Amino acid sequence: MKKTILNFLELTRAYSLAVTLASCIVVLSYAHYSEYFSWLNFIIMSIALCAIHMGANLFDDYIDVKTKLNSGINLKDIHFNSFTPKARLITQEKYSLKQIEKILIILFGLGLLTGLYFTIISGWQILLFMLLGGILSLFYPISSKYYLAEITIGLIYGPLMIMGGYFALCGEFNPNLFLLSIAIFFSTIVLLHTHNIMDWEFDIKENKNTLAILCKTKQKAIEALKYMIIIAYMIIVIGVINLNFNPNMLYVFLTLPIATKLLESIKDYINIKDVKFEPRWYLGFFENWKEIKSQKIDFFMFRFYLARNFSLFFALFASIGVVS
């Protein structure tokens, strides 16, 4: 049973659920003040959003595998150029393509049923969020052809998920929450952009067009990463100074050590290959670190974890600032 669960989590890349959970936390920080708020509905919403996220991850791998199969490559010969194993359980035939299709139907079906439930209790507007989410999710597998993969994911896990989640729970819009969702949009792109800087050569081989590649050089891509972080912080500052943001939302600056280490570390990625990677408690979570080191992918995962932790804790500290 444990192995089955672990395989399923790997298959759906559940390690990336941090961005969905971060968005759910942001929604909770605002929605719990509403007289219409229900913990049960919040749990239902969170489970559905996680199911959709895992489904989108799996659908992306499924499309990539199908594309290679259609080009005449045998399943056992399919290989993806990346540091982390992509679609490993599919290419090793731990799961058949028919099983993958059934899993996708279950995951997306759960999201669809939940959406219909909230449409009944919160209003027809939920259908618009579902439509936009469906379009962006279906567009994502080909979005890298147009340098839009990061933007697409940022929109899904920023404004769309946060505003849609809040409307589902409260039946109304919140202008302040929309501004915060833009900050979350940028903190989410930080994670994706960091990943793509490290996957630079692999993405070129796979003919993927990312924002990092659009920057022309890795040095310029790192500059772009720095500005993404700055913009996320500045949105919070502007919200506190000129709008109705709780001043305690400046807690987001507690993520500065993570952001600083991320920028320092990603620069080392280009200039120095043999450096020591030492997780510290103030930098967030570094799960399965011993196994990662044994696989000799710590140089990649250290930076990935930093970017993920920045995204997660940025949302968490902003949410704490809302309720404190």
Protein backbone atom coordinates (compact mmCIF):
# COMPACT_ATOMS: atom_id res chain seq x y z
CA MET A 1 0.00 0.00 0.00
CA LYS A 2 2.78 2.42 0.95
CA LYS A 3 4.63 1.73 -2.31
CA THR A 4 1.40 2.24 -4.28
CA ILE A 5 0.84 5.62 -2.63
CA LEU A 6 4.44 6.70 -3.20
CA ASN A 7 4.24 5.65 -6.85
CA PHE A 8 1.03 7.62 -7.29
CA LEU A 9 2.59 10.70 -5.70
CA GLU A 10 5.59 10.41 -8.03
CA LEU A 11 3.35 9.78 -11.04
CA THR A 12 1.39 12.98 -10.40
CA ARG A 13 4.44 14.98 -9.24
CA ALA A 14 2.77 15.69 -5.91
CA TYR A 15 5.90 17.47 -4.65
CA SER A 16 4.70 20.49 -6.65
CA LEU A 17 1.44 20.72 -4.70
CA ALA A 18 3.05 23.39 -2.52
CA VAL A 19 1.93 26.09 -4.96
CA THR A 20 -1.69 24.89 -4.80
CA LEU A 21 -1.63 24.65 -1.02
CA ALA A 22 -0.13 28.14 -0.88
CA SER A 23 -3.02 29.50 -2.95
CA CYS A 24 -5.52 27.69 -0.70
CA ILE A 25 -3.93 29.28 2.36
CA VAL A 26 -4.22 32.73 0.77
CA VAL A 27 -7.91 32.10 0.02
CA LEU A 28 -8.48 30.90 3.59
CA SER A 29 -6.88 34.02 5.08
CA TYR A 30 -9.55 36.21 3.45
CA ALA A 31 -12.51 33.83 3.20
CA HIS A 32 -12.70 32.83 6.86
CA TYR A 33 -13.95 36.34 7.71
CA SER A 34 -17.04 35.84 5.55
CA GLU A 35 -20.36 34.83 7.08
CA TYR A 36 -20.70 32.29 4.24
CA PHE A 37 -17.41 30.55 5.05
CA SER A 38 -17.58 26.81 5.75
CA TRP A 39 -14.63 24.64 6.77
CA LEU A 40 -16.21 21.70 4.99
CA ASN A 41 -16.44 23.64 1.74
CA PHE A 42 -12.85 24.82 2.16
CA ILE A 43 -11.65 21.22 2.55
CA ILE A 44 -13.71 20.12 -0.49
CA MET A 45 -12.28 22.98 -2.54
CA SER A 46 -8.68 22.25 -1.48
CA ILE A 47 -8.95 18.54 -2.30
CA ALA A 48 -10.45 19.33 -5.71
CA LEU A 49 -7.75 21.88 -6.54
CA CYS A 50 -5.04 19.40 -5.56
CA ALA A 51 -6.69 16.76 -7.76
CA ILE A 52 -6.79 19.15 -10.71
CA HIS A 53 -3.14 20.10 -10.13
CA MET A 54 -2.03 16.45 -10.07
CA GLY A 55 -4.18 15.77 -13.11
CA ALA A 56 -2.54 18.66 -15.00
CA ASN A 57 0.93 17.34 -14.10
CA LEU A 58 0.03 13.85 -15.26
CA PHE A 59 -1.67 15.14 -18.43
CA ASP A 60 1.51 17.05 -19.32
CA ASP A 61 3.61 13.85 -19.01
CA TYR A 62 0.95 11.83 -20.86
CA ILE A 63 0.98 14.26 -23.81
CA ASP A 64 4.80 14.26 -23.93
CA VAL A 65 4.92 10.45 -23.95
CA LYS A 66 2.18 10.21 -26.59
CA THR A 67 4.02 12.74 -28.76
CA LYS A 68 7.18 10.63 -28.73
CA LEU A 69 5.19 7.45 -29.38
CA ASN A 70 3.51 9.11 -32.37
CA SER A 71 6.95 10.06 -33.72
CA GLY A 72 7.83 6.36 -33.88
CA ILE A 73 9.84 5.96 -30.67
CA ASN A 74 9.16 2.79 -28.68
CA LEU A 75 7.95 3.30 -25.11
CA LYS A 76 11.03 1.62 -23.59
CA ASP A 77 13.28 3.93 -25.62
CA ILE A 78 11.60 7.18 -24.58
CA HIS A 79 13.90 9.45 -22.60
CA PHE A 80 13.44 13.03 -21.48
CA ASN A 81 16.39 15.36 -21.07
CA SER A 82 16.02 16.59 -17.49
CA PHE A 83 17.71 16.22 -14.12
CA THR A 84 14.60 14.86 -12.45
CA PRO A 85 12.94 11.69 -13.80
CA LYS A 86 10.02 12.73 -16.03
CA ALA A 87 7.26 10.20 -16.70
CA ARG A 88 9.53 7.47 -15.32
CA LEU A 89 6.70 5.26 -14.14
CA ILE A 90 5.03 5.51 -17.54
CA THR A 91 8.12 4.77 -19.62
CA GLN A 92 9.01 1.86 -17.31
CA GLU A 93 5.44 0.57 -17.78
CA LYS A 94 4.57 0.66 -14.09
CA TYR A 95 1.38 2.28 -15.34
CA SER A 96 -0.12 1.58 -18.75
CA LEU A 97 -1.45 4.41 -20.90
CA LYS A 98 -4.98 3.10 -20.31
CA GLN A 99 -4.42 3.30 -16.55
CA ILE A 100 -3.13 6.84 -16.96
CA GLU A 101 -6.26 7.78 -18.90
CA LYS A 102 -8.48 6.34 -16.15
CA ILE A 103 -6.55 8.25 -13.48
CA LEU A 104 -6.90 11.47 -15.48
CA ILE A 105 -10.66 10.93 -15.78
CA ILE A 106 -10.92 10.44 -11.99
CA LEU A 107 -8.78 13.47 -11.10
CA PHE A 108 -10.41 15.86 -13.56
CA GLY A 109 -13.82 14.33 -12.86
CA LEU A 110 -13.41 15.16 -9.18
CA GLY A 111 -12.57 18.73 -10.12
CA LEU A 112 -15.56 18.95 -12.46
CA LEU A 113 -18.03 17.60 -9.90
CA THR A 114 -16.68 19.96 -7.26
CA GLY A 115 -17.02 22.86 -9.67
CA LEU A 116 -20.64 21.97 -10.35
CA TYR A 117 -21.28 21.74 -6.61
CA PHE A 118 -19.94 25.25 -6.04
CA THR A 119 -21.85 26.52 -9.07
CA ILE A 120 -25.06 25.43 -7.35
CA ILE A 121 -24.24 27.03 -4.00
CA SER A 122 -22.24 30.09 -5.11
CA GLY A 123 -23.46 31.07 -8.58
CA TRP A 124 -22.98 30.62 -12.31
CA GLN A 125 -19.76 32.67 -12.24
CA ILE A 126 -17.96 29.52 -11.08
CA LEU A 127 -18.51 28.15 -14.59
CA LEU A 128 -16.40 30.99 -15.96
CA PHE A 129 -13.53 30.11 -13.64
CA MET A 130 -13.88 26.45 -14.65
CA LEU A 131 -13.87 27.38 -18.34
CA LEU A 132 -10.77 29.55 -18.00
CA GLY A 133 -9.04 26.88 -15.90
CA GLY A 134 -9.86 24.20 -18.46
CA ILE A 135 -8.61 26.31 -21.37
CA LEU A 136 -5.33 27.17 -19.60
CA SER A 137 -4.78 23.55 -18.49
CA LEU A 138 -5.32 22.22 -22.02
CA PHE A 139 -3.14 25.00 -23.43
CA TYR A 140 -0.27 24.34 -21.02
CA PRO A 141 1.25 21.28 -22.81
CA ILE A 142 1.83 23.41 -25.93
CA SER A 143 2.37 26.77 -24.20
CA SER A 144 6.16 26.35 -24.23
CA LYS A 145 6.05 26.76 -28.01
CA TYR A 146 5.02 30.37 -27.43
CA TYR A 147 7.13 31.28 -24.34
CA LEU A 148 3.96 31.20 -22.26
CA ALA A 149 4.37 28.14 -20.00
CA GLU A 150 5.39 30.15 -16.94
CA ILE A 151 2.72 32.78 -17.52
CA THR A 152 0.07 30.08 -17.92
CA ILE A 153 0.98 28.34 -14.65
CA GLY A 154 1.31 31.68 -12.85
CA LEU A 155 -2.21 32.65 -13.94
CA ILE A 156 -3.67 29.29 -12.91
CA TYR A 157 -2.12 29.16 -9.44
CA GLY A 158 -2.29 32.90 -8.86
CA PRO A 159 -5.35 34.99 -9.88
CA LEU A 160 -7.51 32.18 -11.28
CA MET A 161 -7.22 29.74 -8.39
CA ILE A 162 -7.26 32.38 -5.66
CA MET A 163 -10.13 34.48 -7.02
CA GLY A 164 -12.09 31.42 -8.10
CA GLY A 165 -11.55 29.74 -4.74
CA TYR A 166 -12.65 32.84 -2.85
CA PHE A 167 -15.77 33.24 -4.99
CA ALA A 168 -16.62 29.56 -4.48
CA LEU A 169 -16.47 29.97 -0.70
CA CYS A 170 -17.96 33.45 -0.35
CA GLY A 171 -19.94 34.16 -3.53
CA GLU A 172 -18.27 37.52 -4.17
CA PHE A 173 -15.09 39.21 -5.40
CA ASN A 174 -12.44 40.94 -3.27
CA PRO A 175 -10.26 43.68 -4.87
CA ASN A 176 -7.53 43.44 -2.22
CA LEU A 177 -7.31 39.70 -2.68
CA PHE A 178 -6.94 40.21 -6.43
CA LEU A 179 -3.88 42.43 -5.88
CA LEU A 180 -2.40 39.82 -3.54
CA SER A 181 -3.06 37.15 -6.18
CA ILE A 182 -0.86 39.14 -8.59
CA ALA A 183 1.97 38.97 -6.04
CA ILE A 184 1.40 35.21 -5.80
CA PHE A 185 1.50 35.10 -9.61
CA PHE A 186 5.06 36.46 -9.54
CA SER A 187 6.21 34.28 -6.62
CA THR A 188 4.92 31.24 -8.53
CA ILE A 189 6.77 32.26 -11.69
CA VAL A 190 9.94 32.48 -9.57
CA LEU A 191 9.69 28.72 -9.03
CA LEU A 192 9.14 27.91 -12.70
CA HIS A 193 11.77 30.33 -13.96
CA THR A 194 14.39 28.93 -11.56
CA HIS A 195 13.63 25.41 -12.79
CA ASN A 196 13.95 26.52 -16.41
CA ILE A 197 17.25 28.32 -15.87
CA MET A 198 18.68 25.02 -14.67
CA ASP A 199 17.00 23.11 -17.52
CA TRP A 200 18.38 25.55 -20.11
CA GLU A 201 20.30 23.03 -22.24
CA PHE A 202 17.65 20.34 -21.91
CA ASP A 203 14.86 22.69 -22.97
CA ILE A 204 16.82 23.75 -26.04
CA LYS A 205 17.24 20.08 -27.03
CA GLU A 206 13.49 19.52 -26.54
CA ASN A 207 12.68 22.69 -28.53
CA LYS A 208 10.90 24.24 -25.54
CA ASN A 209 10.66 28.02 -25.49
CA THR A 210 10.80 29.28 -21.91
CA LEU A 211 11.11 32.77 -20.45
CA ALA A 212 14.68 31.86 -19.49
CA ILE A 213 15.56 31.08 -23.11
CA LEU A 214 13.71 34.22 -24.23
CA CYS A 215 16.18 36.19 -22.09
CA LYS A 216 18.93 34.97 -24.51
CA THR A 217 21.56 34.37 -21.80
CA LYS A 218 21.53 32.75 -18.35
CA GLN A 219 22.89 35.97 -16.84
CA LYS A 220 19.92 37.94 -18.19
CA ALA A 221 17.56 35.16 -17.06
CA ILE A 222 18.93 35.54 -13.51
CA GLU A 223 18.36 39.30 -13.73
CA ALA A 224 14.77 38.59 -14.71
CA LEU A 225 14.46 36.23 -11.72
CA LYS A 226 15.66 39.00 -9.42
CA TYR A 227 13.07 41.43 -10.78
CA MET A 228 10.28 38.86 -10.39
CA ILE A 229 11.15 38.61 -6.69
CA ILE A 230 11.35 42.40 -6.31
CA ILE A 231 7.97 42.91 -8.00
CA ALA A 232 6.33 40.36 -5.69
CA TYR A 233 7.65 42.23 -2.64
CA MET A 234 6.77 45.67 -4.05
CA ILE A 235 3.14 44.69 -4.64
CA ILE A 236 2.83 43.96 -0.92
CA VAL A 237 4.54 47.25 0.00
CA ILE A 238 2.28 49.24 -2.34
CA GLY A 239 -0.76 47.45 -0.94
CA VAL A 240 0.23 48.38 2.62
CA ILE A 241 1.07 52.02 1.81
CA ASN A 242 -1.69 52.97 -0.63
CA LEU A 243 -4.44 50.38 -0.14
CA ASN A 244 -6.04 48.47 2.69
CA PHE A 245 -3.45 45.73 3.18
CA ASN A 246 -2.78 44.84 6.81
CA PRO A 247 0.70 46.20 7.68
CA ASN A 248 1.47 42.77 9.12
CA MET A 249 1.56 41.46 5.56
CA LEU A 250 5.09 42.84 5.50
CA TYR A 251 5.90 39.53 7.20
CA VAL A 252 6.61 38.40 3.63
CA PHE A 253 10.03 40.00 4.04
CA LEU A 254 10.88 37.12 6.37
CA THR A 255 11.43 35.21 3.13
CA LEU A 256 14.37 37.46 2.23
CA PRO A 257 16.98 34.90 3.42
CA ILE A 258 15.45 32.33 1.07
CA ALA A 259 15.28 34.78 -1.84
CA THR A 260 18.86 35.93 -1.24
CA LYS A 261 20.19 32.38 -1.03
CA LEU A 262 18.26 31.45 -4.18
CA LEU A 263 19.82 34.29 -6.20
CA GLU A 264 23.26 33.55 -4.78
CA SER A 265 22.90 29.83 -5.47
CA ILE A 266 21.56 30.18 -9.00
CA LYS A 267 24.53 32.40 -9.88
CA ASP A 268 26.82 29.67 -8.56
CA TYR A 269 24.99 27.26 -10.84
CA ILE A 270 26.48 29.03 -13.84
CA ASN A 271 29.92 29.84 -12.47
CA ILE A 272 30.76 27.05 -10.00
CA LYS A 273 29.69 23.45 -10.37
CA ASP A 274 31.32 21.82 -7.34
CA VAL A 275 29.85 23.60 -4.30
CA LYS A 276 28.45 22.24 -1.05
CA PHE A 277 24.71 22.38 -0.57
CA GLU A 278 23.75 22.68 3.08
CA PRO A 279 20.05 22.98 3.93
CA ARG A 280 19.35 25.29 6.88
CA TRP A 281 16.17 25.47 8.93
CA TYR A 282 15.58 29.11 7.99
CA LEU A 283 15.62 28.18 4.29
CA GLY A 284 12.58 25.90 4.56
CA PHE A 285 11.97 22.23 3.81
CA PHE A 286 14.43 19.94 2.03
CA GLU A 287 12.63 16.60 2.20
CA ASN A 288 14.30 13.30 1.23
CA TRP A 289 17.65 15.09 1.23
CA LYS A 290 19.78 11.99 1.91
CA GLU A 291 18.19 10.16 -1.01
CA ILE A 292 18.64 13.21 -3.24
CA LYS A 293 22.32 13.40 -2.36
CA SER A 294 22.76 9.70 -3.04
CA GLN A 295 21.28 10.25 -6.51
CA LYS A 296 23.70 13.15 -7.01
CA ILE A 297 21.00 15.62 -8.00
CA ASP A 298 21.41 17.78 -4.89
CA PHE A 299 22.88 20.62 -7.01
CA PHE A 300 19.54 20.79 -8.85
CA MET A 301 17.11 20.06 -6.03
CA PHE A 302 18.76 22.51 -3.60
CA ARG A 303 17.92 25.42 -5.91
CA PHE A 304 14.53 23.99 -6.79
CA TYR A 305 13.64 23.62 -3.10
CA LEU A 306 14.76 27.20 -2.43
CA ALA A 307 12.49 28.50 -5.20
CA ARG A 308 9.59 26.34 -4.04
CA ASN A 309 10.10 27.38 -0.41
CA PHE A 310 10.16 31.04 -1.41
CA SER A 311 6.84 30.64 -3.23
CA LEU A 312 5.27 28.69 -0.36
CA PHE A 313 6.44 30.89 2.52
CA PHE A 314 5.74 34.11 0.63
CA ALA A 315 2.07 33.07 0.46
CA LEU A 316 2.11 31.73 4.03
CA PHE A 317 3.55 34.91 5.59
CA ALA A 318 1.24 37.12 3.54
CA SER A 319 -1.71 35.07 4.80
CA ILE A 320 -0.51 35.29 8.41
CA GLY A 321 -0.29 39.06 7.93
CA VAL A 322 -3.91 39.17 6.79
CA VAL A 323 -5.29 37.44 9.88
CA SER A 324 -2.92 38.84 12.53
